[in-house]
């Protein structure tokens, strides 16, 4: 019987072939389906959730994550006490809603993203770099008005198929409407 030994020169070749081998193995194994790209939601192979519902969960999760991240930033950097209080409310309430959605998604075989989408990530960078005299207004315009309106529109989606997601949407919509009213009441100089 002949033995086989790898010559040191063949290791670079093995490294080059490793991704192809991994892809080949993945194609022959049951796998999850990515919903929104490489960092998006992932649906387990045995999940019964509709693809449209999984996409909806991903969008809601990303908005919720962005609200929490913007709120954390504003709670630290806002000049006005009212803005800091609003931001802290966003962190607490959207954080709780995010956890509820994450648990609901997990029961349905959907793994949600943990980062905001690209547009929100870019806005967070921009917001963090703003001078103090412009921060509050920019935060309240985006997180207080625009994102609450976007979230309300998404939560009113009549195409949701899953009854538990419909209930979550209705409950969360009432919270978002209260946030919009709170934001409107924050006085900006």
Protein backbone atom coordinates (compact mmCIF):
# COMPACT_ATOMS: atom_id res chain seq x y z
CA UNK A 1 0.00 0.00 0.00
CA UNK A 2 1.33 3.40 -0.95
CA UNK A 3 1.29 6.24 1.49
CA UNK A 4 0.47 9.73 0.41
CA UNK A 5 2.32 12.73 1.79
CA UNK A 6 1.63 16.36 0.98
CA UNK A 7 4.60 18.30 -0.18
CA UNK A 8 4.88 21.78 1.38
CA UNK A 9 4.50 23.34 -2.07
CA UNK A 10 0.96 21.91 -2.37
CA UNK A 11 -0.47 23.84 0.63
CA UNK A 12 -1.11 27.04 -1.38
CA UNK A 13 -3.01 24.94 -3.91
CA UNK A 14 -5.13 23.45 -1.12
CA UNK A 15 -5.88 26.94 0.22
CA UNK A 16 -7.06 28.04 -3.22
CA UNK A 17 -9.31 25.00 -3.54
CA UNK A 18 -10.82 25.28 -0.05
CA UNK A 19 -13.60 27.76 -1.02
CA UNK A 20 -14.64 25.59 -3.97
CA UNK A 21 -14.69 22.52 -1.73
CA UNK A 22 -16.78 24.36 0.89
CA UNK A 23 -19.27 25.44 -1.81
CA UNK A 24 -19.51 21.89 -3.10
CA UNK A 25 -20.21 20.57 0.40
CA UNK A 26 -22.81 23.28 1.04
CA UNK A 27 -24.68 22.42 -2.15
CA UNK A 28 -25.09 18.83 -0.98
CA UNK A 29 -26.31 19.69 2.52
CA UNK A 30 -29.70 21.01 3.57
CA UNK A 31 -29.30 24.71 4.11
CA UNK A 32 -31.12 27.86 5.11
CA UNK A 33 -32.21 30.49 2.65
CA UNK A 34 -30.96 34.06 2.91
CA UNK A 35 -33.74 36.61 2.51
CA UNK A 36 -32.07 39.98 2.24
CA UNK A 37 -28.50 39.37 1.18
CA UNK A 38 -25.55 38.04 3.17
CA UNK A 39 -26.39 40.05 6.31
CA UNK A 40 -30.15 39.75 5.97
CA UNK A 41 -32.67 37.43 7.54
CA UNK A 42 -32.20 33.70 7.11
CA UNK A 43 -35.03 31.18 6.88
CA UNK A 44 -34.46 27.67 8.23
CA UNK A 45 -35.15 24.85 5.74
CA UNK A 46 -38.06 23.53 7.84
CA UNK A 47 -39.69 26.95 8.38
CA UNK A 48 -43.31 27.34 7.31
CA UNK A 49 -43.17 31.15 7.21
CA UNK A 50 -44.05 32.85 3.93
CA UNK A 51 -41.11 34.50 2.19
CA UNK A 52 -43.00 37.82 2.13
CA UNK A 53 -43.51 37.60 5.92
CA UNK A 54 -39.78 36.88 6.42
CA UNK A 55 -38.89 39.92 4.29
CA UNK A 56 -41.32 42.01 6.33
CA UNK A 57 -39.71 40.82 9.59
CA UNK A 58 -36.28 41.74 8.23
CA UNK A 59 -37.38 45.27 7.31
CA UNK A 60 -39.10 45.83 10.67
CA UNK A 61 -36.05 44.46 12.51
CA UNK A 62 -33.66 46.77 10.66
CA UNK A 63 -35.79 49.86 11.39
CA UNK A 64 -36.07 48.81 15.05
CA UNK A 65 -32.33 48.26 15.32
CA UNK A 66 -31.69 51.67 13.76
CA UNK A 67 -34.09 53.33 16.21
CA UNK A 68 -32.23 51.79 19.14
CA UNK A 69 -28.79 52.73 17.78
CA UNK A 70 -29.85 56.31 16.99
CA UNK A 71 -31.52 56.54 20.40
CA UNK A 72 -28.36 55.42 22.20
CA UNK A 73 -26.35 58.02 20.33
CA UNK A 74 -28.88 60.77 21.00
CA UNK A 75 -29.19 59.86 24.68
CA UNK A 76 -25.46 60.62 24.96
CA UNK A 77 -25.02 63.53 22.55
CA UNK A 78 -28.30 65.47 22.51
CA UNK A 79 -28.15 68.96 23.90
CA UNK A 80 -31.77 69.30 25.01
CA UNK A 81 -33.11 67.24 27.88
CA UNK A 82 -36.39 66.60 26.02
CA UNK A 83 -34.48 65.08 23.11
CA UNK A 84 -32.42 62.89 25.46
CA UNK A 85 -35.61 61.69 27.17
CA UNK A 86 -37.24 60.92 23.80
CA UNK A 87 -34.10 59.05 22.71
CA UNK A 88 -34.06 56.96 25.89
CA UNK A 89 -37.71 56.07 25.29
CA UNK A 90 -36.80 54.92 21.77
CA UNK A 91 -34.01 52.74 23.14
CA UNK A 92 -36.25 51.10 25.73
CA UNK A 93 -39.45 50.63 23.72
CA UNK A 94 -37.92 49.75 20.36
CA UNK A 95 -35.43 47.50 22.16
CA UNK A 96 -38.32 45.60 23.78
CA UNK A 97 -40.21 45.42 20.46
CA UNK A 98 -37.04 44.17 18.75
CA UNK A 99 -36.62 41.39 21.31
CA UNK A 100 -40.27 40.39 20.92
CA UNK A 101 -39.89 40.25 17.13
CA UNK A 102 -36.61 38.33 17.40
CA UNK A 103 -38.27 35.70 19.64
CA UNK A 104 -41.29 35.47 17.34
CA UNK A 105 -39.05 35.11 14.29
CA UNK A 106 -36.96 32.41 16.00
CA UNK A 107 -40.11 30.38 16.76
CA UNK A 108 -40.93 30.59 13.06
CA UNK A 109 -37.46 29.52 11.95
CA UNK A 110 -36.25 32.96 10.89
CA UNK A 111 -32.94 34.44 12.05
CA UNK A 112 -33.09 38.24 11.88
CA UNK A 113 -30.22 40.64 11.15
CA UNK A 114 -28.44 42.36 14.02
CA UNK A 115 -27.40 45.56 12.21
CA UNK A 116 -29.33 48.42 10.66
CA UNK A 117 -29.53 48.63 6.87
CA UNK A 118 -26.97 50.59 4.86
CA UNK A 119 -28.97 53.82 4.72
CA UNK A 120 -29.47 53.90 8.49
CA UNK A 121 -25.82 52.96 9.12
CA UNK A 122 -24.69 55.86 6.93
CA UNK A 123 -27.09 58.22 8.71
CA UNK A 124 -25.76 57.07 12.09
CA UNK A 125 -22.22 57.97 10.99
CA UNK A 126 -23.41 61.34 9.75
CA UNK A 127 -25.35 61.97 12.96
CA UNK A 128 -22.38 61.07 15.15
CA UNK A 129 -20.21 63.60 13.31
CA UNK A 130 -22.64 66.52 13.59
CA UNK A 131 -21.81 69.48 15.81
CA UNK A 132 -23.90 69.72 18.98
CA UNK A 133 -25.93 72.70 17.73
CA UNK A 134 -27.26 70.66 14.76
CA UNK A 135 -27.52 67.22 16.34
CA UNK A 136 -30.89 67.53 18.10
CA UNK A 137 -32.78 68.85 15.09
CA UNK A 138 -31.32 66.26 12.72
CA UNK A 139 -32.05 63.41 15.14
CA UNK A 140 -35.63 64.53 15.76
CA UNK A 141 -36.27 65.03 12.06
CA UNK A 142 -35.06 61.55 11.18
CA UNK A 143 -35.85 59.38 14.20
CA UNK A 144 -38.79 61.40 15.43
CA UNK A 145 -40.65 62.01 12.20
CA UNK A 146 -39.34 60.19 9.14
CA UNK A 147 -38.49 56.81 10.66
CA UNK A 148 -41.66 56.69 12.76
CA UNK A 149 -43.69 57.39 9.61
CA UNK A 150 -41.76 54.72 7.67
CA UNK A 151 -42.26 52.21 10.48
CA UNK A 152 -45.99 52.98 10.67
CA UNK A 153 -46.35 52.44 6.92
CA UNK A 154 -44.54 49.10 7.15
CA UNK A 155 -46.56 47.97 10.18
CA UNK A 156 -49.82 48.61 8.33
CA UNK A 157 -48.93 46.02 5.68
CA UNK A 158 -52.18 44.22 4.89
CA UNK A 159 -50.38 41.41 3.06
CA UNK A 160 -49.02 39.75 6.20
CA UNK A 161 -50.11 36.13 6.21
CA UNK A 162 -49.12 35.00 9.69
CA UNK A 163 -51.66 35.83 12.46
CA UNK A 164 -48.93 36.25 15.10
CA UNK A 165 -47.12 38.75 12.89
CA UNK A 166 -50.40 40.58 12.29
CA UNK A 167 -50.91 40.86 16.06
CA UNK A 168 -47.31 42.05 16.55
CA UNK A 169 -47.77 44.65 13.80
CA UNK A 170 -50.97 46.01 15.35
CA UNK A 171 -49.42 46.24 18.83
CA UNK A 172 -46.21 47.83 17.56
CA UNK A 173 -48.11 50.26 15.32
CA UNK A 174 -49.87 51.77 18.34
CA UNK A 175 -46.46 52.22 20.02
CA UNK A 176 -45.00 53.89 16.91
CA UNK A 177 -47.98 56.25 16.69
CA UNK A 178 -47.36 57.30 20.31
CA UNK A 179 -43.69 57.90 19.46
CA UNK A 180 -44.68 60.10 16.53
CA UNK A 181 -46.90 62.17 18.85
CA UNK A 182 -44.10 62.38 21.43
CA UNK A 183 -41.67 63.57 18.75
CA UNK A 184 -44.13 66.20 17.55
CA UNK A 185 -44.37 67.55 21.12
CA UNK A 186 -40.60 67.99 21.50
CA UNK A 187 -39.92 71.69 21.06
CA UNK A 188 -36.97 72.55 18.90
CA UNK A 189 -35.37 76.02 19.16
